[in-house]
Amino acid sequence: MSDFLERVAAERRADVAADAASRDEFALRAEAMTWHRQLGLRVQSYAQRLQVIAEIKRVSPSSGVLDVGVDPSAQARRYAAAGASAISVLVEPRHWGGSLADLEAVRASVELPVLAKDVVVDDRQLLLVRAAGADIVLLIAELLDDETLRRFVQMARHLGMEALVEAHEPLAFGRAVASGARLIGVNARNLRNPGVIDSGRIRQLHSFVLPTQVLVAESGITSIDDARMLPARVDAVLVGTALMRADDPGPLIRGIASIKRTVSV
């Protein structure tokens, strides 16, 4: 069986090389540094209710086409009006149908923090998403060694972003927690084999995050009941496919955002 995550990583390395040949890094870095606003995820580990990171994606590697013609600006405004705390936007083009153009469109449409979701393997990708207006960037612990992971977290912060470091595998989750990131995600989906979702992964790993870190549950959340069953330590949920499939994403966002948290740290 091929490793889907490693295949996408190889594709993104080739994309970065092509972009580097066409655009000067000094100019790109200057463009990235023009963003002075810092919109970190407005979620704290003492928040009284679950926060929703609502995702815009055209395609899912496991579910196929969701809404290839979605207007990212209009979708972001719907999410914001329903009470989302942040908007996640896919940037990876081949398997999720994303683009920097989608990220730019969302950034121009809402005041909420915007999370750029990509398979990040190179410094240049951090510059690209920041230049497009990202406030948060996803890093996948399984793909990056400890030194690179810490460096990317620090580089994101230097650029005015936060890093959401996610993991699915327990050993990688420990490395995510130790990376220095303030936002830590447990992805129930195994990105090495995207058809596999382990909904129990968050219950296995939630107790290992630090009190100062925000914990995000990702993937496999399709209903208000799914969110209600999460451990109390979870601060936020990232929901994508269910929202993209919904005729009206508002009720799901409002329902999840109404769930009270009982934990205080």
Protein backbone atom coordinates (compact mmCIF):
# COMPACT_ATOMS: atom_id res chain seq x y z
CA MET A 1 0.00 0.00 0.00
CA SER A 2 1.40 3.43 -0.93
CA ASP A 3 1.91 6.06 1.77
CA PHE A 4 -0.47 8.85 0.72
CA LEU A 5 1.11 11.44 2.99
CA GLU A 6 4.63 10.85 1.67
CA ARG A 7 3.35 10.96 -1.92
CA VAL A 8 1.71 14.34 -1.37
CA ALA A 9 4.85 15.59 0.40
CA ALA A 10 6.95 14.67 -2.64
CA GLU A 11 4.52 16.50 -4.91
CA ARG A 12 4.66 19.61 -2.73
CA ARG A 13 8.48 19.57 -2.75
CA ALA A 14 8.33 19.63 -6.55
CA ASP A 15 5.79 22.48 -6.44
CA VAL A 16 8.06 24.50 -4.14
CA ALA A 17 11.01 23.99 -6.48
CA ALA A 18 8.95 25.21 -9.42
CA ASP A 19 7.75 28.25 -7.50
CA ALA A 20 11.30 29.06 -6.42
CA ALA A 21 12.37 29.08 -10.06
CA SER A 22 9.69 31.61 -10.95
CA ARG A 23 9.64 33.97 -7.96
CA ASP A 24 12.47 35.64 -6.06
CA GLU A 25 12.55 34.63 -2.38
CA PHE A 26 13.54 38.09 -1.17
CA ALA A 27 10.48 39.59 -2.84
CA LEU A 28 8.26 36.83 -1.43
CA ARG A 29 9.68 37.33 2.07
CA ALA A 30 9.05 41.07 1.84
CA GLU A 31 5.47 40.39 0.74
CA ALA A 32 4.94 37.99 3.64
CA MET A 33 6.27 40.51 6.14
CA THR A 34 3.85 43.22 5.01
CA TRP A 35 1.16 41.58 7.13
CA HIS A 36 1.21 43.34 10.49
CA ARG A 37 -2.08 42.05 11.85
CA GLN A 38 -1.82 39.00 14.09
CA LEU A 39 -5.06 37.09 14.45
CA GLY A 40 -4.15 34.08 16.52
CA LEU A 41 -6.93 31.58 17.07
CA ARG A 42 -9.26 33.21 19.56
CA VAL A 43 -9.48 30.09 21.62
CA GLN A 44 -8.17 29.58 25.13
CA SER A 45 -7.99 26.46 27.22
CA TYR A 46 -10.36 28.15 29.68
CA ALA A 47 -13.07 28.90 27.10
CA GLN A 48 -16.54 28.00 28.32
CA ARG A 49 -17.78 26.60 25.02
CA LEU A 50 -16.37 24.57 22.18
CA GLN A 51 -14.92 26.65 19.37
CA VAL A 52 -15.44 25.74 15.71
CA ILE A 53 -12.79 25.95 13.00
CA ALA A 54 -14.94 25.70 9.88
CA GLU A 55 -13.18 24.39 6.80
CA ILE A 56 -13.50 25.19 3.11
CA LYS A 57 -12.38 22.41 0.79
CA ARG A 58 -13.53 21.46 -2.66
CA VAL A 59 -12.41 17.82 -2.63
CA SER A 60 -11.68 15.19 0.00
CA PRO A 61 -9.12 12.45 -0.74
CA SER A 62 -11.37 9.90 0.95
CA SER A 63 -14.83 11.22 0.01
CA GLY A 64 -14.24 12.64 -3.45
CA VAL A 65 -15.71 15.88 -4.80
CA LEU A 66 -17.56 17.91 -2.17
CA ASP A 67 -18.25 21.22 -3.92
CA VAL A 68 -15.72 21.96 -6.62
CA GLY A 69 -17.52 25.18 -7.55
CA VAL A 70 -17.82 26.62 -4.05
CA ASP A 71 -17.40 30.37 -3.69
CA PRO A 72 -14.86 30.54 -0.84
CA SER A 73 -15.75 34.13 0.03
CA ALA A 74 -19.46 33.40 0.37
CA GLN A 75 -18.82 30.18 2.27
CA ALA A 76 -16.50 31.94 4.70
CA ARG A 77 -19.13 34.60 5.36
CA ARG A 78 -21.74 31.90 6.04
CA TYR A 79 -19.38 30.26 8.51
CA ALA A 80 -18.60 33.55 10.24
CA ALA A 81 -22.28 34.49 10.52
CA ALA A 82 -23.02 31.13 12.17
CA GLY A 83 -20.42 31.68 14.88
CA ALA A 84 -17.24 29.97 13.67
CA SER A 85 -14.11 31.01 15.58
CA ALA A 86 -11.78 30.57 12.61
CA ILE A 87 -11.87 29.55 8.96
CA SER A 88 -9.68 26.76 7.60
CA VAL A 89 -8.81 26.90 3.90
CA LEU A 90 -7.20 24.14 1.87
CA VAL A 91 -4.19 25.25 -0.15
CA GLU A 92 -3.02 21.89 -1.55
CA PRO A 93 -4.31 21.67 -5.15
CA ARG A 94 -4.23 18.06 -6.36
CA HIS A 95 -6.02 16.06 -3.68
CA TRP A 96 -8.04 18.74 -1.84
CA GLY A 97 -8.67 21.14 -4.73
CA GLY A 98 -7.23 24.07 -2.80
CA SER A 99 -5.22 27.13 -3.81
CA LEU A 100 -3.60 30.28 -2.51
CA ALA A 101 -6.32 32.13 -4.42
CA ASP A 102 -8.96 30.53 -2.17
CA LEU A 103 -6.95 31.61 0.87
CA GLU A 104 -6.69 35.17 -0.41
CA ALA A 105 -10.42 35.29 -1.15
CA VAL A 106 -11.31 34.16 2.37
CA ARG A 107 -8.83 36.59 3.95
CA ALA A 108 -10.49 39.45 2.09
CA SER A 109 -13.97 38.36 3.17
CA VAL A 110 -13.86 37.83 6.94
CA GLU A 111 -12.15 39.25 10.02
CA LEU A 112 -11.79 35.84 11.66
CA PRO A 113 -8.41 34.09 11.92
CA VAL A 114 -7.66 32.08 8.77
CA LEU A 115 -5.88 28.73 8.91
CA ALA A 116 -3.91 27.65 5.82
CA LYS A 117 -4.03 23.87 5.43
CA ASP A 118 -1.28 22.41 3.30
CA VAL A 119 1.27 19.62 3.44
CA VAL A 120 4.16 21.84 4.52
CA VAL A 121 7.63 20.52 3.75
CA ASP A 122 9.59 23.70 3.04
CA ASP A 123 10.15 27.16 4.54
CA ARG A 124 8.90 28.76 1.34
CA GLN A 125 5.38 27.46 1.95
CA LEU A 126 5.22 29.47 5.18
CA LEU A 127 6.12 32.60 3.24
CA LEU A 128 3.54 31.82 0.56
CA VAL A 129 0.61 31.35 2.94
CA ARG A 130 1.54 34.37 5.03
CA ALA A 131 1.80 36.50 1.90
CA ALA A 132 -1.72 35.28 1.03
CA GLY A 133 -2.98 36.40 4.45
CA ALA A 134 -2.90 33.32 6.68
CA ASP A 135 -2.93 33.80 10.45
CA ILE A 136 -2.34 30.13 11.25
CA VAL A 137 -0.52 27.41 9.33
CA LEU A 138 -0.93 23.65 9.66
CA LEU A 139 2.15 21.52 10.31
CA ILE A 140 2.01 17.72 10.26
CA ALA A 141 4.28 16.17 12.88
CA GLU A 142 4.57 12.85 11.06
CA LEU A 143 6.30 14.57 8.14
CA LEU A 144 8.87 16.69 9.97
CA ASP A 145 11.81 15.80 12.20
CA ASP A 146 12.03 17.52 15.59
CA GLU A 147 14.49 20.20 14.50
CA THR A 148 12.49 21.14 11.40
CA LEU A 149 9.21 21.12 13.31
CA ARG A 150 10.54 23.50 15.96
CA ARG A 151 12.10 25.70 13.30
CA PHE A 152 8.85 25.94 11.35
CA VAL A 153 6.92 26.79 14.53
CA GLN A 154 9.37 29.59 15.29
CA MET A 155 9.42 30.82 11.70
CA ALA A 156 5.62 30.96 11.63
CA ARG A 157 5.67 33.03 14.81
CA HIS A 158 8.34 35.34 13.39
CA LEU A 159 6.09 35.93 10.38
CA GLY A 160 3.17 36.80 12.64
CA MET A 161 1.36 33.45 12.44
CA GLU A 162 0.65 30.63 14.84
CA ALA A 163 1.31 27.00 13.93
CA LEU A 164 -1.31 24.32 14.46
CA VAL A 165 0.80 21.18 14.83
CA GLU A 166 -1.26 18.06 14.27
CA ALA A 167 -0.57 14.36 14.63
CA HIS A 168 -2.43 11.10 14.30
CA GLU A 169 0.21 8.68 15.51
CA PRO A 170 0.91 8.66 19.29
CA LEU A 171 4.68 9.09 18.99
CA ALA A 172 4.23 11.98 16.59
CA PHE A 173 1.71 13.54 18.96
CA GLY A 174 4.31 13.61 21.71
CA ARG A 175 6.65 15.41 19.34
CA ALA A 176 3.88 17.88 18.45
CA VAL A 177 3.35 18.72 22.10
CA ALA A 178 7.11 19.26 22.55
CA SER A 179 7.42 21.45 19.42
CA GLY A 180 6.72 24.72 21.18
CA ALA A 181 3.43 25.25 19.33
CA ARG A 182 0.51 26.79 21.17
CA LEU A 183 -2.08 25.00 19.03
CA ILE A 184 -2.03 21.19 18.99
CA GLY A 185 -4.31 18.99 16.89
CA VAL A 186 -5.30 15.35 17.08
CA ASN A 187 -6.30 14.22 13.61
CA ALA A 188 -8.58 11.20 13.79
CA ARG A 189 -7.80 10.59 10.12
CA ASN A 190 -4.69 8.63 9.24
CA LEU A 191 -3.21 10.72 6.44
CA ARG A 192 -0.97 7.85 5.40
CA ASN A 193 -4.21 6.03 4.51
CA PRO A 194 -6.96 8.69 4.42
CA GLY A 195 -9.83 6.25 4.35
CA VAL A 196 -9.06 5.21 7.94
CA ILE A 197 -10.55 7.28 10.77
CA ASP A 198 -9.95 6.37 14.42
CA SER A 199 -12.52 8.36 16.39
CA GLY A 200 -10.98 7.12 19.63
CA ARG A 201 -7.63 8.76 18.95
CA ILE A 202 -8.59 12.00 20.68
CA ARG A 203 -9.60 10.09 23.83
CA GLN A 204 -6.27 8.28 23.72
CA LEU A 205 -4.13 11.41 23.43
CA HIS A 206 -5.98 14.38 24.93
CA SER A 207 -4.41 14.14 28.38
CA PHE A 208 -0.88 14.62 27.06
CA VAL A 209 -1.27 18.26 25.97
CA LEU A 210 0.13 20.97 28.20
CA PRO A 211 -2.24 23.22 30.18
CA THR A 212 -1.02 26.20 28.16
CA GLN A 213 -1.81 24.59 24.80
CA VAL A 214 -5.05 24.77 22.86
CA LEU A 215 -6.27 21.31 21.81
CA VAL A 216 -8.08 20.89 18.50
CA ALA A 217 -9.96 17.73 17.50
CA GLU A 218 -9.83 17.18 13.74
CA SER A 219 -11.70 14.89 11.31
CA GLY A 220 -14.60 12.51 11.82
CA ILE A 221 -16.89 15.08 13.42
CA THR A 222 -20.12 15.05 11.44
CA SER A 223 -22.77 15.95 14.02
CA ILE A 224 -23.40 17.86 17.22
CA ASP A 225 -23.46 14.54 19.09
CA ASP A 226 -19.98 13.69 17.77
CA ALA A 227 -18.69 16.94 19.23
CA ARG A 228 -20.56 16.50 22.49
CA MET A 229 -18.85 13.13 23.07
CA LEU A 230 -15.34 14.58 22.85
CA PRO A 231 -13.22 14.77 26.02
CA ALA A 232 -13.77 17.90 28.07
CA ARG A 233 -10.13 18.90 27.50
CA VAL A 234 -10.83 19.61 23.81
CA ASP A 235 -10.96 23.36 23.16
CA ALA A 236 -11.93 23.42 19.49
CA VAL A 237 -13.07 21.20 16.66
CA LEU A 238 -12.14 21.41 13.00
CA VAL A 239 -15.06 20.44 10.78
CA GLY A 240 -14.86 20.28 7.01
CA THR A 241 -16.65 17.57 5.03
CA ALA A 242 -19.91 17.77 6.99
CA LEU A 243 -20.10 21.53 6.49
CA MET A 244 -19.25 21.35 2.80
CA ARG A 245 -21.99 18.76 2.26
CA ALA A 246 -24.64 20.69 4.18
CA ASP A 247 -27.19 22.80 2.33
CA ASP A 248 -26.91 25.18 5.27
CA PRO A 249 -23.80 24.83 7.47
CA GLY A 250 -25.19 27.19 10.08
CA PRO A 251 -27.11 24.75 12.31
CA LEU A 252 -24.10 22.44 12.74
CA ILE A 253 -21.75 25.32 13.58
CA ARG A 254 -24.22 26.89 15.99
CA GLY A 255 -24.96 23.55 17.63
CA ILE A 256 -21.30 22.70 18.23
CA ALA A 257 -20.50 26.23 19.40
CA SER A 258 -23.26 25.96 22.00
CA ILE A 259 -21.68 22.94 23.72
CA LYS A 260 -20.49 23.91 27.17
CA ARG A 261 -17.07 22.86 28.38
CA THR A 262 -16.66 21.94 32.02
CA VAL A 263 -12.88 21.77 32.24
CA SER A 264 -10.78 24.61 33.61
CA VAL A 265 -6.99 24.64 33.60
